[in-house]
Amino acid sequence: MIIFLSSLYIIYGFLFLYSYLKDIGLLRFLCAKKNINILLTIELFFIIITSFIVFTSQPINWLIALIMMFHISGVIYIITFPDNFYSMYEESMSIDPSSVESMSGWILIGFGVFVYLSRIIT
């Protein structure tokens, strides 16, 4: 299951990088106000998979638990403060949209590498 989660993060990251290179704008699509359900569904999917790994592995995989907490806190923030989330997103996109989109892809690829390496660390 760890390899599956790691692969999902890496594929998701490469989708962001590909959309950045082809100027498709996957991040702009996901962070549009009308697509909040899609964004929350993707986050919920990652929460379910990470929680399954965390709660079924002995000893607890702390790295995946930390990533799970990032997803949970992100969902809570989006649900409780949607206006702040969108204003923060629009502000960051007004500065340099290309760096935000490529950085998101590299962060997701980094999550995939960390998840894969968590097999070795724990």
C-alpha atoms as a PDB file:
ATOM      1  CA  MET A   1       0.000   0.000   0.000  1.00  0.00           C
ATOM      2  CA  ILE A   2       2.940   2.337   0.649  1.00  0.00           C
ATOM      3  CA  ILE A   3       4.189   1.845  -2.897  1.00  0.00           C
ATOM      4  CA  PHE A   4       0.675   2.576  -4.200  1.00  0.00           C
ATOM      5  CA  LEU A   5       0.483   5.824  -2.206  1.00  0.00           C
ATOM      6  CA  SER A   6       3.982   6.807  -3.269  1.00  0.00           C
ATOM      7  CA  SER A   7       3.093   6.182  -6.910  1.00  0.00           C
ATOM      8  CA  LEU A   8      -0.078   8.264  -6.580  1.00  0.00           C
ATOM      9  CA  TYR A   9       1.872  11.222  -5.202  1.00  0.00           C
ATOM     10  CA  ILE A  10       4.491  10.983  -7.937  1.00  0.00           C
ATOM     11  CA  ILE A  11       1.890  10.683 -10.707  1.00  0.00           C
ATOM     12  CA  TYR A  12      -0.103  13.575  -9.233  1.00  0.00           C
ATOM     13  CA  GLY A  13       3.080  15.662  -9.062  1.00  0.00           C
ATOM     14  CA  PHE A  14       3.996  14.857 -12.651  1.00  0.00           C
ATOM     15  CA  LEU A  15       0.474  15.852 -13.724  1.00  0.00           C
ATOM     16  CA  PHE A  16       1.059  19.262 -12.148  1.00  0.00           C
ATOM     17  CA  LEU A  17       4.440  19.597 -13.855  1.00  0.00           C
ATOM     18  CA  TYR A  18       3.025  18.479 -17.204  1.00  0.00           C
ATOM     19  CA  SER A  19       0.145  20.920 -16.947  1.00  0.00           C
ATOM     20  CA  TYR A  20       2.667  23.649 -16.105  1.00  0.00           C
ATOM     21  CA  LEU A  21       4.832  22.808 -19.127  1.00  0.00           C
ATOM     22  CA  LYS A  22       1.863  22.636 -21.515  1.00  0.00           C
ATOM     23  CA  ASP A  23       0.185  25.675 -19.892  1.00  0.00           C
ATOM     24  CA  ILE A  24      -2.980  23.703 -19.106  1.00  0.00           C
ATOM     25  CA  GLY A  25      -3.299  24.968 -15.533  1.00  0.00           C
ATOM     26  CA  LEU A  26      -4.322  21.984 -13.404  1.00  0.00           C
ATOM     27  CA  LEU A  27      -3.717  23.998 -10.236  1.00  0.00           C
ATOM     28  CA  ARG A  28      -5.850  26.863 -11.533  1.00  0.00           C
ATOM     29  CA  PHE A  29      -8.592  24.352 -12.355  1.00  0.00           C
ATOM     30  CA  LEU A  30      -8.503  22.674  -8.938  1.00  0.00           C
ATOM     31  CA  CYS A  31      -8.382  25.944  -7.017  1.00  0.00           C
ATOM     32  CA  ALA A  32     -11.284  27.568  -8.825  1.00  0.00           C
ATOM     33  CA  LYS A  33     -14.182  28.297  -6.470  1.00  0.00           C
ATOM     34  CA  LYS A  34     -16.603  26.218  -8.514  1.00  0.00           C
ATOM     35  CA  ASN A  35     -14.289  23.159  -8.290  1.00  0.00           C
ATOM     36  CA  ILE A  36     -13.938  23.026  -4.516  1.00  0.00           C
ATOM     37  CA  ASN A  37     -15.686  19.641  -4.426  1.00  0.00           C
ATOM     38  CA  ILE A  38     -13.098  18.132  -6.755  1.00  0.00           C
ATOM     39  CA  LEU A  39     -10.260  19.483  -4.623  1.00  0.00           C
ATOM     40  CA  LEU A  40     -11.850  18.195  -1.421  1.00  0.00           C
ATOM     41  CA  THR A  41     -12.511  14.788  -3.030  1.00  0.00           C
ATOM     42  CA  ILE A  42      -8.853  14.432  -3.985  1.00  0.00           C
ATOM     43  CA  GLU A  43      -7.773  15.447  -0.490  1.00  0.00           C
ATOM     44  CA  LEU A  44     -10.270  13.017   1.068  1.00  0.00           C
ATOM     45  CA  PHE A  45      -8.921  10.226  -1.143  1.00  0.00           C
ATOM     46  CA  PHE A  46      -5.385  10.878   0.106  1.00  0.00           C
ATOM     47  CA  ILE A  47      -6.633  11.086   3.713  1.00  0.00           C
ATOM     48  CA  ILE A  48      -8.323   7.684   3.405  1.00  0.00           C
ATOM     49  CA  ILE A  49      -5.262   5.991   1.940  1.00  0.00           C
ATOM     50  CA  THR A  50      -2.815   7.545   4.408  1.00  0.00           C
ATOM     51  CA  SER A  51      -5.055   6.786   7.374  1.00  0.00           C
ATOM     52  CA  PHE A  52      -5.377   3.185   6.222  1.00  0.00           C
ATOM     53  CA  ILE A  53      -1.588   2.881   6.162  1.00  0.00           C
ATOM     54  CA  VAL A  54      -1.130   4.638   9.499  1.00  0.00           C
ATOM     55  CA  PHE A  55      -3.768   2.673  11.379  1.00  0.00           C
ATOM     56  CA  THR A  56      -2.903  -0.767   9.975  1.00  0.00           C
ATOM     57  CA  SER A  57       0.886  -0.686  10.210  1.00  0.00           C
ATOM     58  CA  GLN A  58       2.800  -1.638  13.314  1.00  0.00           C
ATOM     59  CA  PRO A  59       4.813   0.258  14.432  1.00  0.00           C
ATOM     60  CA  ILE A  60       3.135   3.475  13.348  1.00  0.00           C
ATOM     61  CA  ASN A  61       4.631   5.050  10.253  1.00  0.00           C
ATOM     62  CA  TRP A  62       5.208   8.563  11.619  1.00  0.00           C
ATOM     63  CA  LEU A  63       6.173  10.096   8.296  1.00  0.00           C
ATOM     64  CA  ILE A  64       2.911   9.059   6.649  1.00  0.00           C
ATOM     65  CA  ALA A  65       1.020  10.145   9.782  1.00  0.00           C
ATOM     66  CA  LEU A  66       2.575  13.590   9.414  1.00  0.00           C
ATOM     67  CA  ILE A  67       1.560  13.769   5.744  1.00  0.00           C
ATOM     68  CA  MET A  68      -1.948  12.647   6.759  1.00  0.00           C
ATOM     69  CA  MET A  69      -2.085  15.524   9.249  1.00  0.00           C
ATOM     70  CA  PHE A  70      -1.086  17.955   6.464  1.00  0.00           C
ATOM     71  CA  HIS A  71      -4.030  16.728   4.381  1.00  0.00           C
ATOM     72  CA  ILE A  72      -6.457  16.887   7.307  1.00  0.00           C
ATOM     73  CA  SER A  73      -5.378  20.384   8.307  1.00  0.00           C
ATOM     74  CA  GLY A  74      -5.645  21.514   4.677  1.00  0.00           C
ATOM     75  CA  VAL A  75      -9.200  20.221   4.390  1.00  0.00           C
ATOM     76  CA  ILE A  76     -10.183  21.811   7.700  1.00  0.00           C
ATOM     77  CA  TYR A  77      -8.678  25.128   6.572  1.00  0.00           C
ATOM     78  CA  ILE A  78     -10.465  25.028   3.206  1.00  0.00           C
ATOM     79  CA  ILE A  79     -13.811  24.189   4.814  1.00  0.00           C
ATOM     80  CA  THR A  80     -13.625  26.668   7.694  1.00  0.00           C
ATOM     81  CA  PHE A  81     -11.929  29.599   5.939  1.00  0.00           C
ATOM     82  CA  PRO A  82     -12.672  29.322   2.202  1.00  0.00           C
ATOM     83  CA  ASP A  83     -12.379  33.068   1.614  1.00  0.00           C
ATOM     84  CA  ASN A  84      -8.907  33.159   3.195  1.00  0.00           C
ATOM     85  CA  PHE A  85      -7.851  30.126   1.159  1.00  0.00           C
ATOM     86  CA  TYR A  86      -8.926  31.683  -2.129  1.00  0.00           C
ATOM     87  CA  SER A  87      -7.463  35.095  -1.315  1.00  0.00           C
ATOM     88  CA  MET A  88      -4.155  33.452  -0.363  1.00  0.00           C
ATOM     89  CA  TYR A  89      -4.221  31.434  -3.607  1.00  0.00           C
ATOM     90  CA  GLU A  90      -5.035  34.468  -5.757  1.00  0.00           C
ATOM     91  CA  GLU A  91      -2.311  36.509  -4.045  1.00  0.00           C
ATOM     92  CA  SER A  92       0.316  33.835  -4.657  1.00  0.00           C
ATOM     93  CA  MET A  93      -0.796  33.408  -8.274  1.00  0.00           C
ATOM     94  CA  SER A  94      -0.597  37.150  -8.886  1.00  0.00           C
ATOM     95  CA  ILE A  95       3.072  37.200  -7.868  1.00  0.00           C
ATOM     96  CA  ASP A  96       4.356  34.329 -10.036  1.00  0.00           C
ATOM     97  CA  PRO A  97       1.842  31.733 -11.235  1.00  0.00           C
ATOM     98  CA  SER A  98       4.402  29.525 -12.952  1.00  0.00           C
ATOM     99  CA  SER A  99       6.503  29.050  -9.840  1.00  0.00           C
ATOM    100  CA  VAL A 100       3.462  28.165  -7.708  1.00  0.00           C
ATOM    101  CA  GLU A 101       2.309  25.504 -10.149  1.00  0.00           C
ATOM    102  CA  SER A 102       5.733  23.941 -10.644  1.00  0.00           C
ATOM    103  CA  MET A 103       6.464  24.103  -6.911  1.00  0.00           C
ATOM    104  CA  SER A 104       3.218  22.222  -6.206  1.00  0.00           C
ATOM    105  CA  GLY A 105       4.297  19.458  -8.566  1.00  0.00           C
ATOM    106  CA  TRP A 106       7.742  19.154  -6.996  1.00  0.00           C
ATOM    107  CA  ILE A 107       6.263  19.097  -3.482  1.00  0.00           C
ATOM    108  CA  LEU A 108       3.948  16.233  -4.449  1.00  0.00           C
ATOM    109  CA  ILE A 109       6.854  14.331  -6.000  1.00  0.00           C
ATOM    110  CA  GLY A 110       8.791  14.939  -2.776  1.00  0.00           C
ATOM    111  CA  PHE A 111       5.865  13.527  -0.793  1.00  0.00           C
ATOM    112  CA  GLY A 112       5.985  10.446  -3.017  1.00  0.00           C
ATOM    113  CA  VAL A 113       9.703   9.990  -2.366  1.00  0.00           C
ATOM    114  CA  PHE A 114       9.256  10.498   1.384  1.00  0.00           C
ATOM    115  CA  VAL A 115       6.413   7.978   1.485  1.00  0.00           C
ATOM    116  CA  TYR A 116       8.532   5.445  -0.395  1.00  0.00           C
ATOM    117  CA  LEU A 117      11.513   6.046   1.898  1.00  0.00           C
ATOM    118  CA  SER A 118       9.288   5.693   4.958  1.00  0.00           C
ATOM    119  CA  ARG A 119       9.417   1.937   4.354  1.00  0.00           C
ATOM    120  CA  ILE A 120      13.132   2.057   5.067  1.00  0.00           C
ATOM    121  CA  ILE A 121      13.037   4.575   7.932  1.00  0.00           C
ATOM    122  CA  THR A 122      10.384   2.849  10.070  1.00  0.00           C
END
